[in-house]
Structure formats: structure tokens, C-alpha cells
């Protein structure tokens, strides 16, 4: 089910509030907004709410037999990637960037925010279908810059369907095929990255794949591999 709101602060915040109030929000229920006045991205950033873009959230109920909840971000990213792919003229221009960004031509097209609430994970997705923000520190883009922007409601249905597929794969087959598919959809191994781990200085290295549990492997200039579990990651060509 896709529930559409004309305006709200944040679809993630709305679903979290419903969960806190005891509402058993069902998996497969999406809350989509025409406009968000307080949309959130990772690390407290605001999220652009351009008209015609996709801004929506859904809920995943964590089961005892599920893979680690943090790894769900990889499956969400693949769902967004697969949903966007048919609308992009050159599929080679589309790639994933750890931990949860979708890039088009080296610029940010979409982002994902996962927030835990009790036994549930609220999954927020923002995709620049029709417009992109002008940011000082990174390049951004929209589908409309390379092709006609898809209808928001049509895209919402496509994403909801693909997310259901990826959620089932995550639960059924685990992390090994998930990380393999994620790496295949990402920028190439060897891509230069700048990583800002929490509480540390920025470090530079090259993309060396993912660990079995989905952490980033960064090859440092001296050749050593460092495992990154959290941090802000930038492509060299992404910076403004």
C-alpha cells in the first residue's frame, strides 16, 4: 500500500511516531510525501524536497532469523538502483556508493536513511527524479538532467515492488549474494575515495570491496586494507 501525503515534516519521523504510538505499521506500507518540510538525511543533514521528486518511507520488522539489521541498507540500495535503472539512458553511468548513496555520472542522485525503532527499522528513501539541490560540497543530479523524469507515483510503485523483492532475497539468501550484487553495482574496485570516519580526520584510499558483513574495505596508500564501519564517503569527482 502507498499512502500519499500532500505535506509533512518527515515521512521517517511520521512512521517512527506511529510505531511509538503502538501502530502496527505493516511491511509493504509506504508513506510518500509530495513535500517534506523537515526531511532528514544521514548525519543530521536536511533532505531536498524538490517538487516531483520521490520522498518516502517504509517499515521492516526485524525477525530473529534475519541477517544483521545494519546490512539491510545494502538491500535497500539495490532496490533503489534497480528501480531507477529503467529510467537512465546509459546504465553504466549509474552506481552505488557506500554506505547508501546512488550516483549518476559521479553525482548524487539518491540517498537512504535507516532508523531503528524497537523491533522495526524505518527505511527512508529520497530520489531526485525532477530536480536536484545545489550543494556547496558535492555534485548532485536528477533523472531529469539525462532523460524525462518519471512520474512520481509510477516510480513509487516500481520502488515498492522492487523493495519487496530485495527484502525477500535478504531474508532468504543472506549477505553473501547481497554483497556480491552490491559490489557489481558499485563504482569499480580501485576508485579513489575520501572517508571521514566519526571522530577522525579524513583519510584517503581506494575502494577495495566489502567485507562479508557489508563494511567498506579501503585500501590505504601504503597498501594496507582498513575496514570502515561508519563514516562519510566521497568520490574524488563528486566534490563540488
C-alpha atoms as a PDB file:
ATOM      1  CA  UNK A   1       0.000   0.000   0.000  1.00  0.00           C
ATOM      2  CA  UNK A   2       1.228   3.507  -0.851  1.00  0.00           C
ATOM      3  CA  UNK A   3      -0.182   6.293   1.322  1.00  0.00           C
ATOM      4  CA  UNK A   4       0.416   9.786  -0.092  1.00  0.00           C
ATOM      5  CA  UNK A   5       0.550  12.968   1.994  1.00  0.00           C
ATOM      6  CA  UNK A   6       0.419  16.429   0.434  1.00  0.00           C
ATOM      7  CA  UNK A   7       2.859  17.776   3.040  1.00  0.00           C
ATOM      8  CA  UNK A   8       4.579  16.556   6.167  1.00  0.00           C
ATOM      9  CA  UNK A   9       7.691  17.221   8.179  1.00  0.00           C
ATOM     10  CA  UNK A  10       9.387  13.889   7.518  1.00  0.00           C
ATOM     11  CA  UNK A  11       7.960  10.559   6.400  1.00  0.00           C
ATOM     12  CA  UNK A  12      10.549   8.767   8.552  1.00  0.00           C
ATOM     13  CA  UNK A  13       9.533  10.794  11.603  1.00  0.00           C
ATOM     14  CA  UNK A  14       5.863  10.112  10.864  1.00  0.00           C
ATOM     15  CA  UNK A  15       6.375   6.343  10.798  1.00  0.00           C
ATOM     16  CA  UNK A  16       8.537   6.427  13.918  1.00  0.00           C
ATOM     17  CA  UNK A  17       5.769   8.355  15.687  1.00  0.00           C
ATOM     18  CA  UNK A  18       3.189   5.788  14.594  1.00  0.00           C
ATOM     19  CA  UNK A  19       5.362   2.948  15.874  1.00  0.00           C
ATOM     20  CA  UNK A  20       5.880   4.718  19.209  1.00  0.00           C
ATOM     21  CA  UNK A  21       2.107   5.117  19.490  1.00  0.00           C
ATOM     22  CA  UNK A  22       1.666   1.364  19.114  1.00  0.00           C
ATOM     23  CA  UNK A  23       0.538   1.363  15.491  1.00  0.00           C
ATOM     24  CA  UNK A  24       1.481  -1.971  13.902  1.00  0.00           C
ATOM     25  CA  UNK A  25       2.623  -0.484  10.601  1.00  0.00           C
ATOM     26  CA  UNK A  26       2.709  -3.394   8.173  1.00  0.00           C
ATOM     27  CA  UNK A  27       5.637  -4.276   5.975  1.00  0.00           C
ATOM     28  CA  UNK A  28       4.862  -3.177   2.435  1.00  0.00           C
ATOM     29  CA  UNK A  29       3.154   0.017   3.614  1.00  0.00           C
ATOM     30  CA  UNK A  30       4.854   3.092   2.150  1.00  0.00           C
ATOM     31  CA  UNK A  31       4.312   6.673   3.282  1.00  0.00           C
ATOM     32  CA  UNK A  32       5.098   9.085   0.430  1.00  0.00           C
ATOM     33  CA  UNK A  33       5.044  12.902   0.603  1.00  0.00           C
ATOM     34  CA  UNK A  34       4.537  15.488  -2.116  1.00  0.00           C
ATOM     35  CA  UNK A  35       6.530  17.849   0.080  1.00  0.00           C
ATOM     36  CA  UNK A  36       8.638  17.474   3.223  1.00  0.00           C
ATOM     37  CA  UNK A  37       9.379  20.479   5.405  1.00  0.00           C
ATOM     38  CA  UNK A  38      11.888  18.704   7.668  1.00  0.00           C
ATOM     39  CA  UNK A  39      13.280  15.850   5.587  1.00  0.00           C
ATOM     40  CA  UNK A  40      16.415  14.251   7.015  1.00  0.00           C
ATOM     41  CA  UNK A  41      19.464  12.630   5.516  1.00  0.00           C
ATOM     42  CA  UNK A  42      22.407  10.851   7.125  1.00  0.00           C
ATOM     43  CA  UNK A  43      24.339  12.549   9.939  1.00  0.00           C
ATOM     44  CA  UNK A  44      21.564  15.067  10.543  1.00  0.00           C
ATOM     45  CA  UNK A  45      21.649  16.645   7.085  1.00  0.00           C
ATOM     46  CA  UNK A  46      18.459  18.087   5.645  1.00  0.00           C
ATOM     47  CA  UNK A  47      16.991  16.449   2.539  1.00  0.00           C
ATOM     48  CA  UNK A  48      15.950  18.474  -0.507  1.00  0.00           C
ATOM     49  CA  UNK A  49      12.210  18.277  -1.201  1.00  0.00           C
ATOM     50  CA  UNK A  50      12.015  19.409  -4.839  1.00  0.00           C
ATOM     51  CA  UNK A  51       8.595  19.100  -6.452  1.00  0.00           C
ATOM     52  CA  UNK A  52       8.220  15.901  -8.456  1.00  0.00           C
ATOM     53  CA  UNK A  53      10.912  14.049  -6.538  1.00  0.00           C
ATOM     54  CA  UNK A  54      10.363  10.847  -4.584  1.00  0.00           C
ATOM     55  CA  UNK A  55      10.368  11.112  -0.795  1.00  0.00           C
ATOM     56  CA  UNK A  56       9.045   8.098   1.058  1.00  0.00           C
ATOM     57  CA  UNK A  57       9.483   5.686   3.936  1.00  0.00           C
ATOM     58  CA  UNK A  58       8.514   2.161   4.863  1.00  0.00           C
ATOM     59  CA  UNK A  59       8.958  -0.236   7.785  1.00  0.00           C
ATOM     60  CA  UNK A  60      10.810  -3.538   8.093  1.00  0.00           C
ATOM     61  CA  UNK A  61      10.010  -5.755  11.068  1.00  0.00           C
ATOM     62  CA  UNK A  62      13.199  -7.365  12.407  1.00  0.00           C
ATOM     63  CA  UNK A  63      12.888 -11.128  12.860  1.00  0.00           C
ATOM     64  CA  UNK A  64      15.160 -13.319  14.978  1.00  0.00           C
ATOM     65  CA  UNK A  65      16.427 -15.214  11.924  1.00  0.00           C
ATOM     66  CA  UNK A  66      17.114 -12.099   9.824  1.00  0.00           C
ATOM     67  CA  UNK A  67      20.658 -11.011   8.910  1.00  0.00           C
ATOM     68  CA  UNK A  68      22.017  -8.074  10.976  1.00  0.00           C
ATOM     69  CA  UNK A  69      19.697  -5.084  10.639  1.00  0.00           C
ATOM     70  CA  UNK A  70      22.527  -2.775   9.503  1.00  0.00           C
ATOM     71  CA  UNK A  71      23.035  -4.927   6.410  1.00  0.00           C
ATOM     72  CA  UNK A  72      19.513  -4.063   5.293  1.00  0.00           C
ATOM     73  CA  UNK A  73      20.993  -0.828   3.882  1.00  0.00           C
ATOM     74  CA  UNK A  74      22.656  -2.864   1.118  1.00  0.00           C
ATOM     75  CA  UNK A  75      19.352  -4.418   0.080  1.00  0.00           C
ATOM     76  CA  UNK A  76      17.582  -1.048   0.146  1.00  0.00           C
ATOM     77  CA  UNK A  77      20.334   0.438  -2.039  1.00  0.00           C
ATOM     78  CA  UNK A  78      19.940  -2.373  -4.554  1.00  0.00           C
ATOM     79  CA  UNK A  79      16.172  -1.844  -4.638  1.00  0.00           C
ATOM     80  CA  UNK A  80      16.641   1.854  -5.411  1.00  0.00           C
ATOM     81  CA  UNK A  81      19.295   1.033  -8.023  1.00  0.00           C
ATOM     82  CA  UNK A  82      17.019  -1.473  -9.793  1.00  0.00           C
ATOM     83  CA  UNK A  83      14.025   0.878  -9.642  1.00  0.00           C
ATOM     84  CA  UNK A  84      15.983   3.767 -11.186  1.00  0.00           C
ATOM     85  CA  UNK A  85      17.791   1.699 -13.826  1.00  0.00           C
ATOM     86  CA  UNK A  86      14.980   1.603 -16.458  1.00  0.00           C
ATOM     87  CA  UNK A  87      14.807   5.424 -16.489  1.00  0.00           C
ATOM     88  CA  UNK A  88      18.507   6.032 -17.165  1.00  0.00           C
ATOM     89  CA  UNK A  89      19.684   6.083 -20.823  1.00  0.00           C
ATOM     90  CA  UNK A  90      23.179   4.767 -20.025  1.00  0.00           C
ATOM     91  CA  UNK A  91      23.132   2.129 -17.256  1.00  0.00           C
ATOM     92  CA  UNK A  92      26.927   2.359 -16.945  1.00  0.00           C
ATOM     93  CA  UNK A  93      26.520   5.874 -15.509  1.00  0.00           C
ATOM     94  CA  UNK A  94      24.568   4.527 -12.522  1.00  0.00           C
ATOM     95  CA  UNK A  95      26.450   3.171  -9.497  1.00  0.00           C
ATOM     96  CA  UNK A  96      26.174   2.616  -5.757  1.00  0.00           C
ATOM     97  CA  UNK A  97      28.439   4.328  -3.229  1.00  0.00           C
ATOM     98  CA  UNK A  98      28.878   3.022   0.311  1.00  0.00           C
ATOM     99  CA  UNK A  99      27.091   3.173   2.612  1.00  0.00           C
ATOM    100  CA  UNK A 100      23.816   4.140   0.952  1.00  0.00           C
ATOM    101  CA  UNK A 101      24.044   6.596  -1.940  1.00  0.00           C
ATOM    102  CA  UNK A 102      23.066   6.135  -5.582  1.00  0.00           C
ATOM    103  CA  UNK A 103      25.262   8.023  -8.037  1.00  0.00           C
ATOM    104  CA  UNK A 104      24.581   9.070 -11.618  1.00  0.00           C
ATOM    105  CA  UNK A 105      27.585  10.199 -13.610  1.00  0.00           C
ATOM    106  CA  UNK A 106      29.556  10.643 -10.395  1.00  0.00           C
ATOM    107  CA  UNK A 107      26.926  12.929  -8.804  1.00  0.00           C
ATOM    108  CA  UNK A 108      24.477  12.061  -6.041  1.00  0.00           C
ATOM    109  CA  UNK A 109      21.043  11.030  -7.297  1.00  0.00           C
ATOM    110  CA  UNK A 110      19.500   9.333  -4.267  1.00  0.00           C
ATOM    111  CA  UNK A 111      20.051   8.699  -0.581  1.00  0.00           C
ATOM    112  CA  UNK A 112      18.796   6.310   2.081  1.00  0.00           C
ATOM    113  CA  UNK A 113      18.269   6.741   5.824  1.00  0.00           C
ATOM    114  CA  UNK A 114      17.656   3.801   8.172  1.00  0.00           C
ATOM    115  CA  UNK A 115      16.448   4.418  11.732  1.00  0.00           C
ATOM    116  CA  UNK A 116      15.800   1.742  14.353  1.00  0.00           C
ATOM    117  CA  UNK A 117      12.650   1.890  16.470  1.00  0.00           C
ATOM    118  CA  UNK A 118      12.091  -1.103  18.753  1.00  0.00           C
ATOM    119  CA  UNK A 119      11.806  -4.261  16.682  1.00  0.00           C
ATOM    120  CA  UNK A 120      11.449  -2.286  13.454  1.00  0.00           C
ATOM    121  CA  UNK A 121      13.665  -0.398  11.028  1.00  0.00           C
ATOM    122  CA  UNK A 122      12.199   2.657   9.338  1.00  0.00           C
ATOM    123  CA  UNK A 123      13.629   2.977   5.838  1.00  0.00           C
ATOM    124  CA  UNK A 124      13.613   6.424   4.218  1.00  0.00           C
ATOM    125  CA  UNK A 125      14.426   6.939   0.542  1.00  0.00           C
ATOM    126  CA  UNK A 126      14.875  10.162  -1.399  1.00  0.00           C
ATOM    127  CA  UNK A 127      15.387  10.159  -5.183  1.00  0.00           C
ATOM    128  CA  UNK A 128      15.923  13.244  -7.337  1.00  0.00           C
ATOM    129  CA  UNK A 129      13.512  12.482 -10.151  1.00  0.00           C
ATOM    130  CA  UNK A 130      12.737  16.005 -11.377  1.00  0.00           C
ATOM    131  CA  UNK A 131      15.167  18.352  -9.603  1.00  0.00           C
ATOM    132  CA  UNK A 132      18.404  18.352  -7.629  1.00  0.00           C
ATOM    133  CA  UNK A 133      19.691  20.687  -4.912  1.00  0.00           C
ATOM    134  CA  UNK A 134      22.704  22.922  -5.394  1.00  0.00           C
ATOM    135  CA  UNK A 135      25.111  21.882  -2.634  1.00  0.00           C
ATOM    136  CA  UNK A 136      28.452  23.519  -1.840  1.00  0.00           C
ATOM    137  CA  UNK A 137      30.375  20.350  -1.020  1.00  0.00           C
ATOM    138  CA  UNK A 138      29.219  17.769  -3.558  1.00  0.00           C
ATOM    139  CA  UNK A 139      27.771  17.347  -7.010  1.00  0.00           C
ATOM    140  CA  UNK A 140      24.121  16.379  -7.313  1.00  0.00           C
ATOM    141  CA  UNK A 141      21.926  15.391 -10.224  1.00  0.00           C
ATOM    142  CA  UNK A 142      18.419  14.270 -11.157  1.00  0.00           C
ATOM    143  CA  UNK A 143      16.975  11.866 -13.696  1.00  0.00           C
ATOM    144  CA  UNK A 144      15.510  14.885 -15.498  1.00  0.00           C
ATOM    145  CA  UNK A 145      19.048  16.004 -16.363  1.00  0.00           C
ATOM    146  CA  UNK A 146      19.601  12.930 -18.560  1.00  0.00           C
ATOM    147  CA  UNK A 147      16.081  11.804 -19.509  1.00  0.00           C
ATOM    148  CA  UNK A 148      12.409  12.660 -18.955  1.00  0.00           C
ATOM    149  CA  UNK A 149      11.623  12.497 -15.245  1.00  0.00           C
ATOM    150  CA  UNK A 150       9.392   9.519 -14.394  1.00  0.00           C
ATOM    151  CA  UNK A 151       6.007  10.139 -12.840  1.00  0.00           C
ATOM    152  CA  UNK A 152       6.443  10.122  -9.059  1.00  0.00           C
ATOM    153  CA  UNK A 153       3.555   7.738  -8.397  1.00  0.00           C
ATOM    154  CA  UNK A 154       4.723   5.335 -11.118  1.00  0.00           C
ATOM    155  CA  UNK A 155       8.207   5.369  -9.618  1.00  0.00           C
ATOM    156  CA  UNK A 156       6.796   4.811  -6.117  1.00  0.00           C
ATOM    157  CA  UNK A 157       5.050   1.640  -7.249  1.00  0.00           C
ATOM    158  CA  UNK A 158       8.174   0.394  -9.017  1.00  0.00           C
ATOM    159  CA  UNK A 159      10.306   1.009  -5.925  1.00  0.00           C
ATOM    160  CA  UNK A 160       7.796  -0.606  -3.566  1.00  0.00           C
ATOM    161  CA  UNK A 161       7.685  -3.729  -5.741  1.00  0.00           C
ATOM    162  CA  UNK A 162      11.456  -3.944  -6.063  1.00  0.00           C
ATOM    163  CA  UNK A 163      11.955  -3.355  -2.346  1.00  0.00           C
ATOM    164  CA  UNK A 164       9.672  -6.296  -1.563  1.00  0.00           C
ATOM    165  CA  UNK A 165      11.802  -8.479  -3.847  1.00  0.00           C
ATOM    166  CA  UNK A 166      15.067  -7.361  -2.255  1.00  0.00           C
ATOM    167  CA  UNK A 167      13.701  -7.771   1.273  1.00  0.00           C
ATOM    168  CA  UNK A 168      12.767 -11.371   0.476  1.00  0.00           C
ATOM    169  CA  UNK A 169      16.220 -12.023  -1.007  1.00  0.00           C
ATOM    170  CA  UNK A 170      17.913 -10.517   2.071  1.00  0.00           C
ATOM    171  CA  UNK A 171      15.939 -12.799   4.365  1.00  0.00           C
ATOM    172  CA  UNK A 172      16.137 -15.920   2.204  1.00  0.00           C
ATOM    173  CA  UNK A 173      19.699 -15.924   0.886  1.00  0.00           C
ATOM    174  CA  UNK A 174      21.619 -13.830   3.415  1.00  0.00           C
ATOM    175  CA  UNK A 175      24.550 -11.497   2.915  1.00  0.00           C
ATOM    176  CA  UNK A 176      26.945 -13.301   0.555  1.00  0.00           C
ATOM    177  CA  UNK A 177      24.886 -12.871  -2.643  1.00  0.00           C
ATOM    178  CA  UNK A 178      23.745  -9.447  -1.444  1.00  0.00           C
ATOM    179  CA  UNK A 179      27.275  -8.073  -1.033  1.00  0.00           C
ATOM    180  CA  UNK A 180      28.317  -9.661  -4.348  1.00  0.00           C
ATOM    181  CA  UNK A 181      25.468  -7.945  -6.204  1.00  0.00           C
ATOM    182  CA  UNK A 182      26.118  -4.658  -4.393  1.00  0.00           C
ATOM    183  CA  UNK A 183      29.783  -4.661  -5.436  1.00  0.00           C
ATOM    184  CA  UNK A 184      28.775  -5.397  -9.042  1.00  0.00           C
ATOM    185  CA  UNK A 185      26.510  -2.318  -8.994  1.00  0.00           C
ATOM    186  CA  UNK A 186      29.061  -0.061  -7.268  1.00  0.00           C
ATOM    187  CA  UNK A 187      31.803   2.125  -8.686  1.00  0.00           C
ATOM    188  CA  UNK A 188      34.800  -0.021  -9.754  1.00  0.00           C
ATOM    189  CA  UNK A 189      37.277  -1.502  -7.301  1.00  0.00           C
ATOM    190  CA  UNK A 190      40.215   0.906  -7.177  1.00  0.00           C
ATOM    191  CA  UNK A 191      38.050   4.043  -7.299  1.00  0.00           C
ATOM    192  CA  UNK A 192      39.702   6.815  -5.206  1.00  0.00           C
ATOM    193  CA  UNK A 193      37.716   7.640  -2.059  1.00  0.00           C
ATOM    194  CA  UNK A 194      37.921  10.182   0.748  1.00  0.00           C
ATOM    195  CA  UNK A 195      36.454   8.836   4.005  1.00  0.00           C
ATOM    196  CA  UNK A 196      35.658  10.781   7.159  1.00  0.00           C
ATOM    197  CA  UNK A 197      35.160   8.259   9.998  1.00  0.00           C
ATOM    198  CA  UNK A 198      33.378   9.610  13.098  1.00  0.00           C
ATOM    199  CA  UNK A 199      35.800  11.484  15.371  1.00  0.00           C
ATOM    200  CA  UNK A 200      38.756  11.146  12.987  1.00  0.00           C
ATOM    201  CA  UNK A 201      40.493  13.104  10.292  1.00  0.00           C
ATOM    202  CA  UNK A 202      39.673  12.459   6.644  1.00  0.00           C
ATOM    203  CA  UNK A 203      41.576   9.511   5.184  1.00  0.00           C
ATOM    204  CA  UNK A 204      42.178   8.748   1.523  1.00  0.00           C
ATOM    205  CA  UNK A 205      42.382   5.406  -0.209  1.00  0.00           C
ATOM    206  CA  UNK A 206      40.863   3.235  -2.893  1.00  0.00           C
ATOM    207  CA  UNK A 207      37.688   1.155  -2.898  1.00  0.00           C
ATOM    208  CA  UNK A 208      38.608  -2.489  -2.230  1.00  0.00           C
ATOM    209  CA  UNK A 209      35.154  -4.051  -1.929  1.00  0.00           C
ATOM    210  CA  UNK A 210      33.041  -5.023   1.071  1.00  0.00           C
ATOM    211  CA  UNK A 211      33.567  -7.378   3.977  1.00  0.00           C
ATOM    212  CA  UNK A 212      31.245 -10.356   4.438  1.00  0.00           C
ATOM    213  CA  UNK A 213      29.018  -8.272   6.716  1.00  0.00           C
ATOM    214  CA  UNK A 214      28.884  -5.283   4.344  1.00  0.00           C
ATOM    215  CA  UNK A 215      31.528  -2.953   5.806  1.00  0.00           C
ATOM    216  CA  UNK A 216      33.657  -0.876   3.424  1.00  0.00           C
ATOM    217  CA  UNK A 217      37.192  -2.026   2.655  1.00  0.00           C
ATOM    218  CA  UNK A 218      39.534   0.871   1.930  1.00  0.00           C
ATOM    219  CA  UNK A 219      42.999   0.253   0.510  1.00  0.00           C
ATOM    220  CA  UNK A 220      45.325   2.850   2.022  1.00  0.00           C
ATOM    221  CA  UNK A 221      48.233   4.350   0.047  1.00  0.00           C
ATOM    222  CA  UNK A 222      50.749   2.029   1.761  1.00  0.00           C
ATOM    223  CA  UNK A 223      48.712  -0.990   0.667  1.00  0.00           C
ATOM    224  CA  UNK A 224      47.067  -1.890   3.966  1.00  0.00           C
ATOM    225  CA  UNK A 225      43.314  -2.574   3.957  1.00  0.00           C
ATOM    226  CA  UNK A 226      41.284  -0.685   6.530  1.00  0.00           C
ATOM    227  CA  UNK A 227      37.715  -1.744   7.350  1.00  0.00           C
ATOM    228  CA  UNK A 228      35.250   1.147   7.668  1.00  0.00           C
ATOM    229  CA  UNK A 229      32.044   0.519   9.616  1.00  0.00           C
ATOM    230  CA  UNK A 230      30.778   4.121   9.638  1.00  0.00           C
ATOM    231  CA  UNK A 231      31.713   7.387   8.011  1.00  0.00           C
ATOM    232  CA  UNK A 232      31.077   9.912   5.282  1.00  0.00           C
ATOM    233  CA  UNK A 233      32.429   8.723   1.927  1.00  0.00           C
ATOM    234  CA  UNK A 234      33.132  10.900  -1.097  1.00  0.00           C
ATOM    235  CA  UNK A 235      34.258  10.100  -4.617  1.00  0.00           C
ATOM    236  CA  UNK A 236      37.033  12.378  -5.829  1.00  0.00           C
ATOM    237  CA  UNK A 237      34.873  13.520  -8.771  1.00  0.00           C
ATOM    238  CA  UNK A 238      31.829  14.033  -6.546  1.00  0.00           C
ATOM    239  CA  UNK A 239      33.183  17.027  -4.681  1.00  0.00           C
ATOM    240  CA  UNK A 240      31.990  20.456  -5.740  1.00  0.00           C
END
